[in-house]
Amino acid sequence: MSELPTVYIEREPLLNMILAAVEMYNRECLGYLFGYSSGKPTKSFVITSAVQLAAVVHRSSCGLHQSKRACKRLGGFIDKASRLFPYLADFHSHPHPKMWPGLFGLSEDDRKSMHDEDKFCVIIALSPRGKRLLEWAMRDEGTRLRGSLGHFDVHFTAHWVVRDEEGKPVKDEQGIQQTERLPLQVAKTTLRALNRANKKS
């Protein structure tokens, strides 16, 4: 089995994803991630920017629907401007994950909606802050970043579709694509800055 690629999140896109999830709290947010991939020494994805999408026609606490017209328009633009805006993946939030055990990862609807060509996706699980302030740190063998900020507890995970030796998506008995978590990395300076912000809040 080949080594899983690591997803590196720079400070600005990390904060932009948190802000997007907080802004839309009680409803899901959706956005695009841009950056680049590297194959040396091992394959990795580096997220350099995150942009929240506004053209969503319906939002709820457990799903959303993007405007088809806007989706087509954006898709065409990204294809044409791929060198200037190298698209990596998308991100969305899961509000109230404590009410839905297991949703620090992909829901069944998420797995159904992932396309064969998707590289990966990032989930931001957001919930009201508990009694204990969570230190910003990596958990679950480096596949989950968690911490508290303001009035919220935040958990980041990245996922991609499991593929067989021929590169085809692996599906379960219901025909739903199987996914797995990818390792995450954030600069230690970013973690220190977030934890300093916690102490001041």
Protein backbone atom coordinates (compact mmCIF):
# COMPACT_ATOMS: atom_id res chain seq x y z
CA MET A 1 0.00 0.00 0.00
CA SER A 2 1.42 3.38 -1.02
CA GLU A 3 2.03 6.09 1.53
CA LEU A 4 -0.84 8.54 1.94
CA PRO A 5 -0.15 12.13 0.85
CA THR A 6 0.03 14.83 3.50
CA VAL A 7 -2.16 17.94 3.36
CA TYR A 8 -0.29 21.07 4.50
CA ILE A 9 -2.52 24.01 5.49
CA GLU A 10 -0.94 27.45 5.59
CA ARG A 11 -2.06 29.97 8.23
CA GLU A 12 -4.20 32.26 6.05
CA PRO A 13 -6.39 29.54 4.49
CA LEU A 14 -6.73 27.86 7.89
CA LEU A 15 -8.11 31.07 9.42
CA ASN A 16 -10.29 31.73 6.36
CA MET A 17 -11.90 28.29 6.72
CA ILE A 18 -12.53 28.88 10.43
CA LEU A 19 -14.09 32.28 9.68
CA ALA A 20 -16.30 30.78 6.96
CA ALA A 21 -17.55 28.05 9.33
CA VAL A 22 -18.17 30.55 12.16
CA GLU A 23 -19.95 33.03 9.86
CA MET A 24 -22.40 30.38 8.64
CA TYR A 25 -22.74 28.64 12.01
CA ASN A 26 -25.95 26.55 12.27
CA ARG A 27 -25.66 26.20 8.49
CA GLU A 28 -22.98 24.56 6.37
CA CYS A 29 -20.38 26.67 4.62
CA LEU A 30 -18.78 25.68 1.32
CA GLY A 31 -15.61 26.85 -0.36
CA TYR A 32 -12.74 26.10 -2.71
CA LEU A 33 -9.12 25.41 -1.79
CA PHE A 34 -6.20 26.46 -3.97
CA GLY A 35 -2.50 25.66 -3.85
CA TYR A 36 -0.18 23.10 -5.37
CA SER A 37 0.84 19.46 -5.14
CA SER A 38 4.32 18.06 -4.81
CA GLY A 39 5.65 14.60 -5.46
CA LYS A 40 9.04 14.97 -3.76
CA PRO A 41 10.12 13.30 -1.57
CA THR A 42 6.56 12.00 -1.00
CA LYS A 43 3.35 13.28 -2.54
CA SER A 44 1.75 16.19 -0.70
CA PHE A 45 -0.85 18.93 -1.16
CA VAL A 46 -0.14 22.49 0.02
CA ILE A 47 -3.18 24.72 0.61
CA THR A 48 -2.24 28.37 0.05
CA SER A 49 -5.70 29.97 -0.10
CA ALA A 50 -9.33 29.24 0.76
CA VAL A 51 -12.36 31.04 -0.70
CA GLN A 52 -15.90 30.69 0.62
CA LEU A 53 -18.63 30.38 -2.02
CA ALA A 54 -21.61 32.72 -1.78
CA ALA A 55 -23.91 31.39 -4.54
CA VAL A 56 -25.63 28.70 -2.47
CA VAL A 57 -29.39 28.44 -2.99
CA HIS A 58 -30.15 26.36 0.09
CA ARG A 59 -28.33 25.76 3.36
CA SER A 60 -29.14 23.65 6.39
CA SER A 61 -27.25 22.26 9.35
CA CYS A 62 -26.56 19.04 7.44
CA GLY A 63 -26.36 19.99 3.77
CA LEU A 64 -26.37 22.65 1.07
CA HIS A 65 -27.06 23.06 -2.62
CA GLN A 66 -24.94 25.30 -4.80
CA SER A 67 -26.43 27.29 -7.65
CA LYS A 68 -25.98 25.19 -10.80
CA ARG A 69 -25.41 28.28 -12.92
CA ALA A 70 -22.76 29.64 -10.55
CA CYS A 71 -21.13 26.20 -10.25
CA LYS A 72 -20.84 25.91 -14.04
CA ARG A 73 -19.53 29.48 -14.32
CA LEU A 74 -16.92 28.97 -11.61
CA GLY A 75 -15.89 25.58 -13.00
CA GLY A 76 -15.27 27.08 -16.42
CA PHE A 77 -13.30 29.96 -14.95
CA ILE A 78 -11.11 27.67 -12.82
CA ASP A 79 -10.40 25.42 -15.81
CA LYS A 80 -9.29 28.40 -17.90
CA ALA A 81 -7.28 30.02 -15.11
CA SER A 82 -5.78 26.85 -13.64
CA ARG A 83 -2.22 28.19 -13.76
CA LEU A 84 -3.19 31.34 -11.88
CA PHE A 85 -5.69 29.64 -9.56
CA PRO A 86 -4.56 25.98 -9.19
CA TYR A 87 -7.62 24.24 -7.70
CA LEU A 88 -6.92 21.52 -5.14
CA ALA A 89 -10.15 20.63 -3.37
CA ASP A 90 -13.20 21.97 -1.61
CA PHE A 91 -14.08 22.42 2.05
CA HIS A 92 -17.31 22.55 4.02
CA SER A 93 -18.38 22.63 7.64
CA HIS A 94 -20.31 20.28 9.88
CA PRO A 95 -22.10 22.40 12.51
CA HIS A 96 -22.99 20.73 15.81
CA PRO A 97 -20.81 17.61 15.33
CA LYS A 98 -21.32 16.71 19.01
CA MET A 99 -24.97 16.07 18.18
CA TRP A 100 -23.99 13.69 15.35
CA PRO A 101 -21.37 11.18 16.56
CA GLY A 102 -18.78 10.33 13.95
CA LEU A 103 -19.21 13.49 11.86
CA PHE A 104 -15.65 14.64 12.43
CA GLY A 105 -15.37 12.92 9.07
CA LEU A 106 -17.44 12.54 5.91
CA SER A 107 -21.16 11.86 6.09
CA GLU A 108 -22.79 9.34 3.77
CA ASP A 109 -24.09 12.20 1.60
CA ASP A 110 -20.55 13.60 1.39
CA ARG A 111 -19.20 10.27 0.17
CA LYS A 112 -22.00 9.97 -2.39
CA SER A 113 -21.23 13.42 -3.78
CA MET A 114 -17.47 12.97 -4.15
CA HIS A 115 -16.41 12.61 -7.78
CA ASP A 116 -13.84 10.24 -9.19
CA GLU A 117 -11.56 13.14 -10.05
CA ASP A 118 -11.73 14.75 -6.58
CA LYS A 119 -8.29 14.94 -5.03
CA PHE A 120 -9.50 15.40 -1.46
CA CYS A 121 -11.86 17.49 0.67
CA VAL A 122 -11.52 19.22 4.04
CA ILE A 123 -14.16 19.06 6.76
CA ILE A 124 -14.43 21.69 9.52
CA ALA A 125 -16.46 20.30 12.44
CA LEU A 126 -17.67 23.22 14.55
CA SER A 127 -19.49 23.19 17.89
CA PRO A 128 -20.02 25.52 20.89
CA ARG A 129 -16.97 25.54 23.12
CA GLY A 130 -17.08 23.06 25.98
CA LYS A 131 -16.10 23.71 29.57
CA ARG A 132 -12.49 22.82 28.81
CA LEU A 133 -10.44 24.99 26.46
CA LEU A 134 -8.95 22.74 23.77
CA GLU A 135 -5.29 23.29 22.97
CA TRP A 136 -4.52 23.52 19.24
CA ALA A 137 -2.74 20.27 18.42
CA MET A 138 -2.76 17.26 16.11
CA ARG A 139 -4.75 14.20 17.16
CA ASP A 140 -5.62 10.74 15.78
CA GLU A 141 -2.10 10.00 14.54
CA GLY A 142 -1.84 13.32 12.74
CA THR A 143 -5.14 13.05 10.82
CA ARG A 144 -7.15 15.55 12.91
CA LEU A 145 -6.32 19.11 13.93
CA ARG A 146 -8.37 20.40 16.83
CA GLY A 147 -8.54 23.41 19.13
CA SER A 148 -10.74 26.13 20.60
CA LEU A 149 -11.09 29.64 19.23
CA GLY A 150 -13.50 32.22 20.57
CA HIS A 151 -16.73 30.48 21.55
CA PHE A 152 -16.14 27.39 19.42
CA ASP A 153 -14.33 24.07 19.35
CA VAL A 154 -12.95 23.35 15.87
CA HIS A 155 -11.83 20.07 14.28
CA PHE A 156 -10.18 19.77 10.83
CA THR A 157 -9.92 16.54 8.83
CA ALA A 158 -9.01 15.86 5.18
CA HIS A 159 -10.37 12.94 3.17
CA TRP A 160 -10.01 11.32 -0.23
CA VAL A 161 -11.47 8.39 -2.14
CA VAL A 162 -9.89 4.97 -1.57
CA ARG A 163 -8.63 3.46 -4.84
CA ASP A 164 -7.57 -0.01 -5.90
CA GLU A 165 -4.26 -0.94 -7.56
CA GLU A 166 -5.63 0.20 -10.93
CA GLY A 167 -6.61 3.60 -9.54
CA LYS A 168 -10.37 2.92 -9.56
CA PRO A 169 -12.54 4.09 -6.62
CA VAL A 170 -13.39 1.34 -4.13
CA LYS A 171 -17.13 1.14 -3.38
CA ASP A 172 -19.15 -0.66 -0.74
CA GLU A 173 -22.16 -2.95 -1.27
CA GLN A 174 -24.42 0.10 -1.70
CA GLY A 175 -22.15 1.53 -4.39
CA ILE A 176 -20.91 4.35 -2.16
CA GLN A 177 -17.27 5.35 -2.57
CA GLN A 178 -15.03 4.48 0.36
CA THR A 179 -12.86 7.24 1.81
CA GLU A 180 -9.98 7.58 4.23
CA ARG A 181 -8.41 10.38 6.25
CA LEU A 182 -5.20 11.99 5.07
CA PRO A 183 -2.39 13.18 7.35
CA LEU A 184 -2.54 16.91 8.12
CA GLN A 185 0.25 19.36 8.88
CA VAL A 186 0.19 22.96 10.09
CA ALA A 187 3.19 25.11 10.89
CA LYS A 188 4.18 25.07 14.57
CA THR A 189 4.21 28.88 14.52
CA THR A 190 0.53 28.83 13.50
CA LEU A 191 -0.36 26.45 16.35
CA ARG A 192 1.53 28.65 18.82
CA ALA A 193 -0.29 31.76 17.56
CA LEU A 194 -3.70 30.05 17.94
CA ASN A 195 -2.86 28.90 21.46
CA ARG A 196 -1.69 32.40 22.42
CA ALA A 197 -5.02 33.74 21.15
CA ASN A 198 -6.79 31.17 23.37
CA LYS A 199 -5.00 32.39 26.48
CA LYS A 200 -6.08 35.98 25.78
CA SER A 201 -9.75 35.10 25.14
